[in-house]
Structure formats: C-alpha cells, structure tokens
PDB file of N, CA and C in Angstrom:
ATOM      1  N   MET A   1       0.896  -1.179   0.025  1.00  0.00           N
ATOM      2  CA  MET A   1       0.053  -0.011   0.033  1.00  0.00           C
ATOM      3  C   MET A   1       0.807   1.264  -0.100  1.00  0.00           C
ATOM      4  N   SER A   2       0.579   2.253  -0.902  1.00  0.00           N
ATOM      5  CA  SER A   2       1.285   3.387  -0.812  1.00  0.00           C
ATOM      6  C   SER A   2       0.481   4.616  -0.267  1.00  0.00           C
ATOM      7  N   ILE A   3       1.010   5.562   0.227  1.00  0.00           N
ATOM      8  CA  ILE A   3       0.335   6.714   0.800  1.00  0.00           C
ATOM      9  C   ILE A   3      -0.141   7.721  -0.157  1.00  0.00           C
ATOM     10  N   ARG A   4      -1.255   8.320  -0.052  1.00  0.00           N
ATOM     11  CA  ARG A   4      -1.785   9.325  -0.896  1.00  0.00           C
ATOM     12  C   ARG A   4      -1.076  10.604  -0.756  1.00  0.00           C
ATOM     13  N   ALA A   5      -0.825  11.306  -1.873  1.00  0.00           N
ATOM     14  CA  ALA A   5       0.063  12.441  -1.837  1.00  0.00           C
ATOM     15  C   ALA A   5      -0.542  13.536  -1.030  1.00  0.00           C
ATOM     16  N   ASP A   6      -1.881  13.660  -0.969  1.00  0.00           N
ATOM     17  CA  ASP A   6      -2.511  14.695  -0.215  1.00  0.00           C
ATOM     18  C   ASP A   6      -2.380  14.442   1.320  1.00  0.00           C
ATOM     19  N   VAL A   7      -1.987  13.437   1.811  1.00  0.00           N
ATOM     20  CA  VAL A   7      -1.665  13.283   3.283  1.00  0.00           C
ATOM     21  C   VAL A   7      -0.411  13.960   3.577  1.00  0.00           C
ATOM     22  N   ILE A   8       0.431  13.843   2.699  1.00  0.00           N
ATOM     23  CA  ILE A   8       1.859  14.523   3.003  1.00  0.00           C
ATOM     24  C   ILE A   8       1.908  15.967   2.472  1.00  0.00           C
ATOM     25  N   ARG A   9       1.071  16.365   1.527  1.00  0.00           N
ATOM     26  CA  ARG A   9       1.141  17.760   0.980  1.00  0.00           C
ATOM     27  C   ARG A   9       1.171  18.726   2.046  1.00  0.00           C
ATOM     28  N   GLY A  10       1.844  19.696   1.762  1.00  0.00           N
ATOM     29  CA  GLY A  10       2.153  20.705   2.933  1.00  0.00           C
ATOM     30  C   GLY A  10       3.308  20.419   3.791  1.00  0.00           C
ATOM     31  N   HIS A  11       3.881  19.262   3.701  1.00  0.00           N
ATOM     32  CA  HIS A  11       5.059  18.898   4.406  1.00  0.00           C
ATOM     33  C   HIS A  11       6.275  18.590   3.444  1.00  0.00           C
ATOM     34  N   THR A  12       6.163  18.842   2.287  1.00  0.00           N
ATOM     35  CA  THR A  12       7.236  18.607   1.212  1.00  0.00           C
ATOM     36  C   THR A  12       8.437  19.443   1.538  1.00  0.00           C
ATOM     37  N   GLU A  13       8.196  20.672   1.905  1.00  0.00           N
ATOM     38  CA  GLU A  13       9.312  21.431   2.068  1.00  0.00           C
ATOM     39  C   GLU A  13      10.186  21.053   3.365  1.00  0.00           C
ATOM     40  N   THR A  14       9.345  20.664   4.412  1.00  0.00           N
ATOM     41  CA  THR A  14      10.086  20.125   5.583  1.00  0.00           C
ATOM     42  C   THR A  14      10.813  18.797   5.299  1.00  0.00           C
ATOM     43  N   ILE A  15      10.201  17.955   4.633  1.00  0.00           N
ATOM     44  CA  ILE A  15      10.851  16.735   4.154  1.00  0.00           C
ATOM     45  C   ILE A  15      12.222  17.122   3.347  1.00  0.00           C
ATOM     46  N   ILE A  16      12.205  18.006   2.600  1.00  0.00           N
ATOM     47  CA  ILE A  16      13.436  18.421   1.830  1.00  0.00           C
ATOM     48  C   ILE A  16      14.428  18.985   2.725  1.00  0.00           C
ATOM     49  N   LEU A  17      14.033  19.837   3.615  1.00  0.00           N
ATOM     50  CA  LEU A  17      14.970  20.537   4.566  1.00  0.00           C
ATOM     51  C   LEU A  17      15.442  19.444   5.504  1.00  0.00           C
ATOM     52  N   ALA A  18      14.789  18.429   5.824  1.00  0.00           N
ATOM     53  CA  ALA A  18      15.229  17.323   6.743  1.00  0.00           C
ATOM     54  C   ALA A  18      16.432  16.683   6.029  1.00  0.00           C
ATOM     55  N   HIS A  19      16.350  16.458   4.785  1.00  0.00           N
ATOM     56  CA  HIS A  19      17.429  15.724   4.076  1.00  0.00           C
ATOM     57  C   HIS A  19      18.642  16.767   3.976  1.00  0.00           C
ATOM     58  N   LEU A  20      18.438  18.001   3.762  1.00  0.00           N
ATOM     59  CA  LEU A  20      19.495  18.991   3.644  1.00  0.00           C
ATOM     60  C   LEU A  20      19.961  19.341   4.946  1.00  0.00           C
ATOM     61  N   MET A  21      19.467  19.016   6.173  1.00  0.00           N
ATOM     62  CA  MET A  21      20.087  19.155   7.514  1.00  0.00           C
ATOM     63  C   MET A  21      21.323  18.371   7.520  1.00  0.00           C
ATOM     64  N   LYS A  22      21.325  17.150   6.768  1.00  0.00           N
ATOM     65  CA  LYS A  22      22.481  16.248   6.832  1.00  0.00           C
ATOM     66  C   LYS A  22      23.613  16.630   5.851  1.00  0.00           C
ATOM     67  N   GLY A  23      23.246  17.491   4.913  1.00  0.00           N
ATOM     68  CA  GLY A  23      24.318  17.950   4.100  1.00  0.00           C
ATOM     69  C   GLY A  23      23.787  18.461   2.683  1.00  0.00           C
ATOM     70  N   ASN A  24      24.555  18.904   1.954  1.00  0.00           N
ATOM     71  CA  ASN A  24      24.185  19.380   0.582  1.00  0.00           C
ATOM     72  C   ASN A  24      23.717  18.163  -0.347  1.00  0.00           C
ATOM     73  N   SER A  25      22.695  18.404  -1.238  1.00  0.00           N
ATOM     74  CA  SER A  25      22.278  17.354  -2.001  1.00  0.00           C
ATOM     75  C   SER A  25      21.619  17.887  -3.216  1.00  0.00           C
ATOM     76  N   TYR A  26      21.172  17.000  -4.075  1.00  0.00           N
ATOM     77  CA  TYR A  26      20.460  17.419  -5.378  1.00  0.00           C
ATOM     78  C   TYR A  26      19.299  16.578  -5.512  1.00  0.00           C
ATOM     79  N   GLY A  27      18.392  17.011  -6.412  1.00  0.00           N
ATOM     80  CA  GLY A  27      16.987  16.369  -6.494  1.00  0.00           C
ATOM     81  C   GLY A  27      16.913  14.942  -6.634  1.00  0.00           C
ATOM     82  N   TYR A  28      17.689  14.407  -7.533  1.00  0.00           N
ATOM     83  CA  TYR A  28      17.504  12.884  -7.539  1.00  0.00           C
ATOM     84  C   TYR A  28      17.922  12.172  -6.404  1.00  0.00           C
ATOM     85  N   GLU A  29      18.887  12.619  -5.727  1.00  0.00           N
ATOM     86  CA  GLU A  29      19.351  11.987  -4.493  1.00  0.00           C
ATOM     87  C   GLU A  29      18.256  12.134  -3.380  1.00  0.00           C
ATOM     88  N   ILE A  30      17.669  13.314  -3.320  1.00  0.00           N
ATOM     89  CA  ILE A  30      16.758  13.482  -2.271  1.00  0.00           C
ATOM     90  C   ILE A  30      15.475  12.618  -2.546  1.00  0.00           C
ATOM     91  N   ASN A  31      15.061  12.547  -3.756  1.00  0.00           N
ATOM     92  CA  ASN A  31      13.841  11.709  -4.051  1.00  0.00           C
ATOM     93  C   ASN A  31      14.251  10.292  -3.849  1.00  0.00           C
ATOM     94  N   LYS A  32      15.376   9.828  -4.228  1.00  0.00           N
ATOM     95  CA  LYS A  32      15.798   8.459  -4.021  1.00  0.00           C
ATOM     96  C   LYS A  32      15.878   8.078  -2.483  1.00  0.00           C
ATOM     97  N   SER A  33      16.245   9.029  -1.542  1.00  0.00           N
ATOM     98  CA  SER A  33      16.261   8.871  -0.182  1.00  0.00           C
ATOM     99  C   SER A  33      14.875   8.718   0.347  1.00  0.00           C
ATOM    100  N   ILE A  34      13.949   9.488  -0.216  1.00  0.00           N
ATOM    101  CA  ILE A  34      12.595   9.442   0.230  1.00  0.00           C
ATOM    102  C   ILE A  34      11.959   8.167  -0.082  1.00  0.00           C
ATOM    103  N   LYS A  35      12.246   7.638  -1.212  1.00  0.00           N
ATOM    104  CA  LYS A  35      11.727   6.344  -1.662  1.00  0.00           C
ATOM    105  C   LYS A  35      12.292   5.248  -0.796  1.00  0.00           C
ATOM    106  N   GLU A  36      13.606   5.348  -0.527  1.00  0.00           N
ATOM    107  CA  GLU A  36      14.229   4.221   0.279  1.00  0.00           C
ATOM    108  C   GLU A  36      13.752   4.218   1.724  1.00  0.00           C
ATOM    109  N   LYS A  37      13.523   5.431   2.320  1.00  0.00           N
ATOM    110  CA  LYS A  37      13.207   5.581   3.767  1.00  0.00           C
ATOM    111  C   LYS A  37      11.677   5.059   3.944  1.00  0.00           C
ATOM    112  N   THR A  38      10.878   5.226   2.835  1.00  0.00           N
ATOM    113  CA  THR A  38       9.524   4.722   2.939  1.00  0.00           C
ATOM    114  C   THR A  38       9.246   3.424   2.163  1.00  0.00           C
ATOM    115  N   ASP A  39      10.300   2.689   1.950  1.00  0.00           N
ATOM    116  CA  ASP A  39      10.208   1.356   1.419  1.00  0.00           C
ATOM    117  C   ASP A  39       9.421   1.568   0.089  1.00  0.00           C
ATOM    118  N   ASN A  40       9.687   2.584  -0.773  1.00  0.00           N
ATOM    119  CA  ASN A  40       9.058   2.754  -2.050  1.00  0.00           C
ATOM    120  C   ASN A  40       7.479   3.062  -1.989  1.00  0.00           C
ATOM    121  N   LYS A  41       6.998   3.471  -0.818  1.00  0.00           N
ATOM    122  CA  LYS A  41       5.733   3.739  -0.654  1.00  0.00           C
ATOM    123  C   LYS A  41       5.307   5.300  -1.003  1.00  0.00           C
ATOM    124  N   TYR A  42       6.367   6.074  -0.970  1.00  0.00           N
ATOM    125  CA  TYR A  42       6.182   7.479  -1.273  1.00  0.00           C
ATOM    126  C   TYR A  42       7.345   8.037  -2.121  1.00  0.00           C
ATOM    127  N   GLU A  43       7.073   8.844  -3.078  1.00  0.00           N
ATOM    128  CA  GLU A  43       8.102   9.569  -3.717  1.00  0.00           C
ATOM    129  C   GLU A  43       7.402  10.807  -4.214  1.00  0.00           C
ATOM    130  N   LEU A  44       8.343  11.949  -4.417  1.00  0.00           N
ATOM    131  CA  LEU A  44       7.709  13.196  -4.977  1.00  0.00           C
ATOM    132  C   LEU A  44       8.035  13.166  -6.564  1.00  0.00           C
ATOM    133  N   ASN A  45       6.932  13.718  -7.152  1.00  0.00           N
ATOM    134  CA  ASN A  45       7.149  13.918  -8.632  1.00  0.00           C
ATOM    135  C   ASN A  45       8.087  15.021  -8.949  1.00  0.00           C
ATOM    136  N   ASP A  46       8.714  15.089 -10.069  1.00  0.00           N
ATOM    137  CA  ASP A  46       9.665  15.990 -10.337  1.00  0.00           C
ATOM    138  C   ASP A  46       9.092  17.490 -10.259  1.00  0.00           C
ATOM    139  N   ALA A  47       7.931  17.636 -10.706  1.00  0.00           N
ATOM    140  CA  ALA A  47       7.338  18.987 -10.729  1.00  0.00           C
ATOM    141  C   ALA A  47       7.128  19.459  -9.162  1.00  0.00           C
ATOM    142  N   THR A  48       6.663  18.641  -8.359  1.00  0.00           N
ATOM    143  CA  THR A  48       6.438  19.037  -6.974  1.00  0.00           C
ATOM    144  C   THR A  48       7.775  19.253  -6.431  1.00  0.00           C
ATOM    145  N   LEU A  49       8.801  18.394  -6.491  1.00  0.00           N
ATOM    146  CA  LEU A  49      10.107  18.578  -6.043  1.00  0.00           C
ATOM    147  C   LEU A  49      10.873  19.910  -6.318  1.00  0.00           C
ATOM    148  N   TYR A  50      10.808  20.212  -7.641  1.00  0.00           N
ATOM    149  CA  TYR A  50      11.487  21.400  -8.098  1.00  0.00           C
ATOM    150  C   TYR A  50      10.652  22.712  -7.934  1.00  0.00           C
ATOM    151  N   CYS A  51       9.453  22.610  -7.767  1.00  0.00           N
ATOM    152  CA  CYS A  51       8.602  23.788  -7.361  1.00  0.00           C
ATOM    153  C   CYS A  51       9.005  24.066  -5.801  1.00  0.00           C
ATOM    154  N   ALA A  52       9.058  23.045  -5.006  1.00  0.00           N
ATOM    155  CA  ALA A  52       9.479  23.193  -3.659  1.00  0.00           C
ATOM    156  C   ALA A  52      10.867  23.757  -3.499  1.00  0.00           C
ATOM    157  N   PHE A  53      11.720  23.309  -4.363  1.00  0.00           N
ATOM    158  CA  PHE A  53      13.065  23.829  -4.371  1.00  0.00           C
ATOM    159  C   PHE A  53      13.027  25.531  -4.652  1.00  0.00           C
ATOM    160  N   ARG A  54      12.258  25.841  -5.513  1.00  0.00           N
ATOM    161  CA  ARG A  54      12.004  27.093  -6.082  1.00  0.00           C
ATOM    162  C   ARG A  54      11.502  27.971  -4.844  1.00  0.00           C
ATOM    163  N   ARG A  55      10.503  27.462  -4.288  1.00  0.00           N
ATOM    164  CA  ARG A  55       9.907  28.281  -3.071  1.00  0.00           C
ATOM    165  C   ARG A  55      10.802  28.417  -1.941  1.00  0.00           C
ATOM    166  N   LEU A  56      11.508  27.429  -1.608  1.00  0.00           N
ATOM    167  CA  LEU A  56      12.489  27.394  -0.565  1.00  0.00           C
ATOM    168  C   LEU A  56      13.672  28.399  -0.791  1.00  0.00           C
ATOM    169  N   GLU A  57      14.053  28.333  -2.148  1.00  0.00           N
ATOM    170  CA  GLU A  57      15.115  29.230  -2.534  1.00  0.00           C
ATOM    171  C   GLU A  57      14.696  30.808  -2.493  1.00  0.00           C
ATOM    172  N   GLU A  58      13.587  30.986  -3.097  1.00  0.00           N
ATOM    173  CA  GLU A  58      12.995  32.324  -3.136  1.00  0.00           C
ATOM    174  C   GLU A  58      12.757  32.868  -1.609  1.00  0.00           C
ATOM    175  N   SER A  59      12.302  31.993  -0.640  1.00  0.00           N
ATOM    176  CA  SER A  59      12.173  32.301   0.730  1.00  0.00           C
ATOM    177  C   SER A  59      13.446  32.593   1.536  1.00  0.00           C
ATOM    178  N   GLY A  60      14.595  32.118   0.936  1.00  0.00           N
ATOM    179  CA  GLY A  60      15.914  32.288   1.571  1.00  0.00           C
ATOM    180  C   GLY A  60      16.172  31.128   2.429  1.00  0.00           C
ATOM    181  N   TYR A  61      15.468  29.935   2.341  1.00  0.00           N
ATOM    182  CA  TYR A  61      15.781  28.673   3.203  1.00  0.00           C
ATOM    183  C   TYR A  61      16.870  27.798   2.827  1.00  0.00           C
ATOM    184  N   ILE A  62      17.019  27.910   1.370  1.00  0.00           N
ATOM    185  CA  ILE A  62      17.980  27.111   0.764  1.00  0.00           C
ATOM    186  C   ILE A  62      18.800  28.038  -0.179  1.00  0.00           C
ATOM    187  N   THR A  63      19.941  27.549  -0.592  1.00  0.00           N
ATOM    188  CA  THR A  63      20.686  28.215  -1.685  1.00  0.00           C
ATOM    189  C   THR A  63      21.023  27.010  -2.688  1.00  0.00           C
ATOM    190  N   SER A  64      21.338  27.360  -3.930  1.00  0.00           N
ATOM    191  CA  SER A  64      21.702  26.296  -4.835  1.00  0.00           C
ATOM    192  C   SER A  64      23.046  26.762  -5.593  1.00  0.00           C
ATOM    193  N   PHE A  65      23.667  25.696  -6.028  1.00  0.00           N
ATOM    194  CA  PHE A  65      24.900  25.983  -6.771  1.00  0.00           C
ATOM    195  C   PHE A  65      24.999  24.611  -7.814  1.00  0.00           C
ATOM    196  N   TRP A  66      25.889  24.953  -8.885  1.00  0.00           N
ATOM    197  CA  TRP A  66      26.179  23.962  -9.833  1.00  0.00           C
ATOM    198  C   TRP A  66      27.395  23.116  -9.356  1.00  0.00           C
ATOM    199  N   GLY A  67      27.289  21.785  -9.295  1.00  0.00           N
ATOM    200  CA  GLY A  67      28.443  20.916  -9.137  1.00  0.00           C
ATOM    201  C   GLY A  67      28.600  19.994 -10.169  1.00  0.00           C
ATOM    202  N   GLU A  68      29.719  19.182 -10.047  1.00  0.00           N
ATOM    203  CA  GLU A  68      29.969  18.177 -11.179  1.00  0.00           C
ATOM    204  C   GLU A  68      29.480  16.859 -10.506  1.00  0.00           C
ATOM    205  N   GLY A  69      28.987  15.919 -11.346  1.00  0.00           N
ATOM    206  CA  GLY A  69      28.627  14.685 -10.971  1.00  0.00           C
ATOM    207  C   GLY A  69      29.577  13.727 -11.247  1.00  0.00           C
ATOM    208  N   ASN A  70      29.459  12.455 -10.688  1.00  0.00           N
ATOM    209  CA  ASN A  70      30.473  11.273 -11.003  1.00  0.00           C
ATOM    210  C   ASN A  70      30.723  11.106 -12.439  1.00  0.00           C
ATOM    211  N   SER A  71      29.457  11.124 -13.193  1.00  0.00           N
ATOM    212  CA  SER A  71      29.560  10.858 -14.660  1.00  0.00           C
ATOM    213  C   SER A  71      29.895  12.047 -15.469  1.00  0.00           C
ATOM    214  N   GLY A  72      30.256  13.261 -14.920  1.00  0.00           N
ATOM    215  CA  GLY A  72      30.614  14.448 -15.472  1.00  0.00           C
ATOM    216  C   GLY A  72      29.362  15.332 -15.892  1.00  0.00           C
ATOM    217  N   ALA A  73      28.218  14.843 -15.590  1.00  0.00           N
ATOM    218  CA  ALA A  73      26.947  15.720 -15.729  1.00  0.00           C
ATOM    219  C   ALA A  73      26.942  16.688 -14.652  1.00  0.00           C
ATOM    220  N   ARG A  74      26.451  17.891 -14.912  1.00  0.00           N
ATOM    221  CA  ARG A  74      26.381  18.968 -14.023  1.00  0.00           C
ATOM    222  C   ARG A  74      25.088  18.672 -13.181  1.00  0.00           C
ATOM    223  N   ARG A  75      25.178  18.922 -11.939  1.00  0.00           N
ATOM    224  CA  ARG A  75      24.006  18.850 -11.047  1.00  0.00           C
ATOM    225  C   ARG A  75      23.846  20.050 -10.212  1.00  0.00           C
ATOM    226  N   ARG A  76      22.634  20.344 -10.006  1.00  0.00           N
ATOM    227  CA  ARG A  76      22.272  21.590  -9.178  1.00  0.00           C
ATOM    228  C   ARG A  76      22.098  21.061  -7.686  1.00  0.00           C
ATOM    229  N   TYR A  77      23.042  21.466  -6.922  1.00  0.00           N
ATOM    230  CA  TYR A  77      22.989  21.161  -5.482  1.00  0.00           C
ATOM    231  C   TYR A  77      22.361  22.182  -4.593  1.00  0.00           C
ATOM    232  N   TYR A  78      21.812  21.675  -3.571  1.00  0.00           N
ATOM    233  CA  TYR A  78      21.004  22.551  -2.569  1.00  0.00           C
ATOM    234  C   TYR A  78      21.698  22.539  -1.401  1.00  0.00           C
ATOM    235  N   SER A  79      21.624  23.658  -0.627  1.00  0.00           N
ATOM    236  CA  SER A  79      22.158  23.687   0.801  1.00  0.00           C
ATOM    237  C   SER A  79      21.260  24.543   1.602  1.00  0.00           C
ATOM    238  N   ILE A  80      21.024  24.074   2.912  1.00  0.00           N
ATOM    239  CA  ILE A  80      20.129  24.765   3.833  1.00  0.00           C
ATOM    240  C   ILE A  80      20.852  25.979   4.335  1.00  0.00           C
ATOM    241  N   THR A  81      20.035  27.125   4.564  1.00  0.00           N
ATOM    242  CA  THR A  81      20.677  28.304   5.200  1.00  0.00           C
ATOM    243  C   THR A  81      20.382  28.361   6.754  1.00  0.00           C
ATOM    244  N   ASN A  82      20.754  29.278   7.368  1.00  0.00           N
ATOM    245  CA  ASN A  82      20.432  29.417   8.718  1.00  0.00           C
ATOM    246  C   ASN A  82      19.065  29.705   8.941  1.00  0.00           C
ATOM    247  N   GLU A  83      18.472  30.483   8.028  1.00  0.00           N
ATOM    248  CA  GLU A  83      16.934  30.750   7.944  1.00  0.00           C
ATOM    249  C   GLU A  83      16.152  29.400   7.780  1.00  0.00           C
ATOM    250  N   GLY A  84      16.691  28.519   6.934  1.00  0.00           N
ATOM    251  CA  GLY A  84      16.017  27.372   6.593  1.00  0.00           C
ATOM    252  C   GLY A  84      16.101  26.471   7.745  1.00  0.00           C
ATOM    253  N   ILE A  85      17.217  26.503   8.593  1.00  0.00           N
ATOM    254  CA  ILE A  85      17.292  25.719   9.811  1.00  0.00           C
ATOM    255  C   ILE A  85      16.266  26.010  10.780  1.00  0.00           C
ATOM    256  N   GLU A  86      16.088  27.368  10.859  1.00  0.00           N
ATOM    257  CA  GLU A  86      14.936  27.865  11.923  1.00  0.00           C
ATOM    258  C   GLU A  86      13.647  27.598  11.338  1.00  0.00           C
ATOM    259  N   PHE A  87      13.460  27.631  10.167  1.00  0.00           N
ATOM    260  CA  PHE A  87      12.035  27.328   9.531  1.00  0.00           C
ATOM    261  C   PHE A  87      11.809  25.806   9.614  1.00  0.00           C
ATOM    262  N   TYR A  88      12.747  24.966   9.525  1.00  0.00           N
ATOM    263  CA  TYR A  88      12.707  23.496   9.771  1.00  0.00           C
ATOM    264  C   TYR A  88      12.343  23.244  11.067  1.00  0.00           C
ATOM    265  N   LYS A  89      13.036  23.831  12.056  1.00  0.00           N
ATOM    266  CA  LYS A  89      12.756  23.590  13.535  1.00  0.00           C
ATOM    267  C   LYS A  89      11.315  23.944  14.016  1.00  0.00           C
ATOM    268  N   LYS A  90      10.855  25.141  13.372  1.00  0.00           N
ATOM    269  CA  LYS A  90       9.500  25.565  13.506  1.00  0.00           C
ATOM    270  C   LYS A  90       8.434  24.531  13.045  1.00  0.00           C
ATOM    271  N   ASN A  91       8.829  24.132  11.750  1.00  0.00           N
ATOM    272  CA  ASN A  91       7.936  23.054  11.240  1.00  0.00           C
ATOM    273  C   ASN A  91       7.865  21.772  11.949  1.00  0.00           C
ATOM    274  N   ILE A  92       8.927  21.389  12.516  1.00  0.00           N
ATOM    275  CA  ILE A  92       8.990  20.167  13.272  1.00  0.00           C
ATOM    276  C   ILE A  92       8.126  20.301  14.493  1.00  0.00           C
ATOM    277  N   GLU A  93       8.143  21.532  15.174  1.00  0.00           N
ATOM    278  CA  GLU A  93       7.407  21.706  16.438  1.00  0.00           C
ATOM    279  C   GLU A  93       5.905  21.590  15.933  1.00  0.00           C
ATOM    280  N   GLU A  94       5.521  22.343  14.918  1.00  0.00           N
ATOM    281  CA  GLU A  94       4.160  22.393  14.437  1.00  0.00           C
ATOM    282  C   GLU A  94       3.704  20.884  14.105  1.00  0.00           C
ATOM    283  N   TRP A  95       4.667  20.072  13.456  1.00  0.00           N
ATOM    284  CA  TRP A  95       4.274  18.783  13.073  1.00  0.00           C
ATOM    285  C   TRP A  95       3.929  17.957  14.286  1.00  0.00           C
ATOM    286  N   ASN A  96       4.810  18.015  15.290  1.00  0.00           N
ATOM    287  CA  ASN A  96       4.661  17.242  16.523  1.00  0.00           C
ATOM    288  C   ASN A  96       3.240  17.672  17.158  1.00  0.00           C
ATOM    289  N   LEU A  97       2.952  18.884  17.302  1.00  0.00           N
ATOM    290  CA  LEU A  97       1.703  19.306  17.816  1.00  0.00           C
ATOM    291  C   LEU A  97       0.515  18.710  16.894  1.00  0.00           C
ATOM    292  N   THR A  98       0.697  18.770  15.673  1.00  0.00           N
ATOM    293  CA  THR A  98      -0.351  18.212  14.817  1.00  0.00           C
ATOM    294  C   THR A  98      -0.603  16.747  14.903  1.00  0.00           C
ATOM    295  N   LYS A  99       0.586  16.029  14.988  1.00  0.00           N
ATOM    296  CA  LYS A  99       0.483  14.583  15.181  1.00  0.00           C
ATOM    297  C   LYS A  99      -0.182  14.309  16.553  1.00  0.00           C
ATOM    298  N   GLU A 100       0.160  14.993  17.583  1.00  0.00           N
ATOM    299  CA  GLU A 100      -0.494  14.730  18.956  1.00  0.00           C
ATOM    300  C   GLU A 100      -1.857  14.933  18.843  1.00  0.00           C
ATOM    301  N   LEU A 101      -2.314  15.959  18.107  1.00  0.00           N
ATOM    302  CA  LEU A 101      -3.785  16.322  18.102  1.00  0.00           C
ATOM    303  C   LEU A 101      -4.496  15.179  17.209  1.00  0.00           C
ATOM    304  N   ILE A 102      -3.944  14.800  16.083  1.00  0.00           N
ATOM    305  CA  ILE A 102      -4.508  13.793  15.325  1.00  0.00           C
ATOM    306  C   ILE A 102      -4.652  12.582  15.998  1.00  0.00           C
ATOM    307  N   ASP A 103      -3.589  12.212  16.705  1.00  0.00           N
ATOM    308  CA  ASP A 103      -3.635  10.818  17.378  1.00  0.00           C
ATOM    309  C   ASP A 103      -4.829  10.943  18.547  1.00  0.00           C
ATOM    310  N   LYS A 104      -5.070  12.084  19.052  1.00  0.00           N
ATOM    311  CA  LYS A 104      -6.216  12.171  19.947  1.00  0.00           C
ATOM    312  C   LYS A 104      -7.437  12.054  19.330  1.00  0.00           C
ATOM    313  N   LEU A 105      -7.563  12.631  18.095  1.00  0.00           N
ATOM    314  CA  LEU A 105      -8.699  12.719  17.415  1.00  0.00           C
ATOM    315  C   LEU A 105      -9.165  11.397  16.700  1.00  0.00           C
ATOM    316  N   ILE A 106      -8.353  10.810  16.259  1.00  0.00           N
ATOM    317  CA  ILE A 106      -8.660   9.421  15.510  1.00  0.00           C
ATOM    318  C   ILE A 106      -7.949   8.236  16.108  1.00  0.00           C
TER     319      ILE A 106
END
C-alpha cells in the first residue's frame, strides 16, 4: 500500500529540509532517499520537488549551486541556510503538535 500524496502535501518543504540538514544534496538523491526511507511507498514527482526547491530558495531557506557529478553531468546542489534551519525547527514543532492532536482525534 502506498500513501496518498494529499496526506503529505504541505510537508514537502520540511521533508526536503530534513534531508538537507544532513548535508548538501541534489534532486534525484533527495527523491531516492525518500523512496528508500519509505520502502518505495512514497516519492515526490519532479514537478512537486522542483517547485518546492524554487519556493524554498525564493524564501531564503536554501541556496543552490552547480556541481559536477561522477559521470561528468552537471547537477544543481542545494544547501540549507540558517533561516532554513530555523524554518525547519518551527515546522517540526508544528508537526509534533499536529500529530499529537490527530492521534487524540482518531
């Protein structure tokens, strides 16, 4: 069974930031990690992923830069900013409260 996208919608940016808290990364690597962590039950489509990157960068929560891949292909890497770390922490607090309330309600 896979999870419906609307259940996680609204948390995409936090999921990306959680990955970037561990270090710089690029889109494919982040999505691969999401699939692995969820045993292939959830993945972001490319449009959702790259729209989230754009929103995060425009908000100052991440920065991007071009790097070289192992195969020589250029990859756009993303890095979390100090503002992004604070935004991530705030979102985690909100998530924990939401989870607590949902657990009580259902």
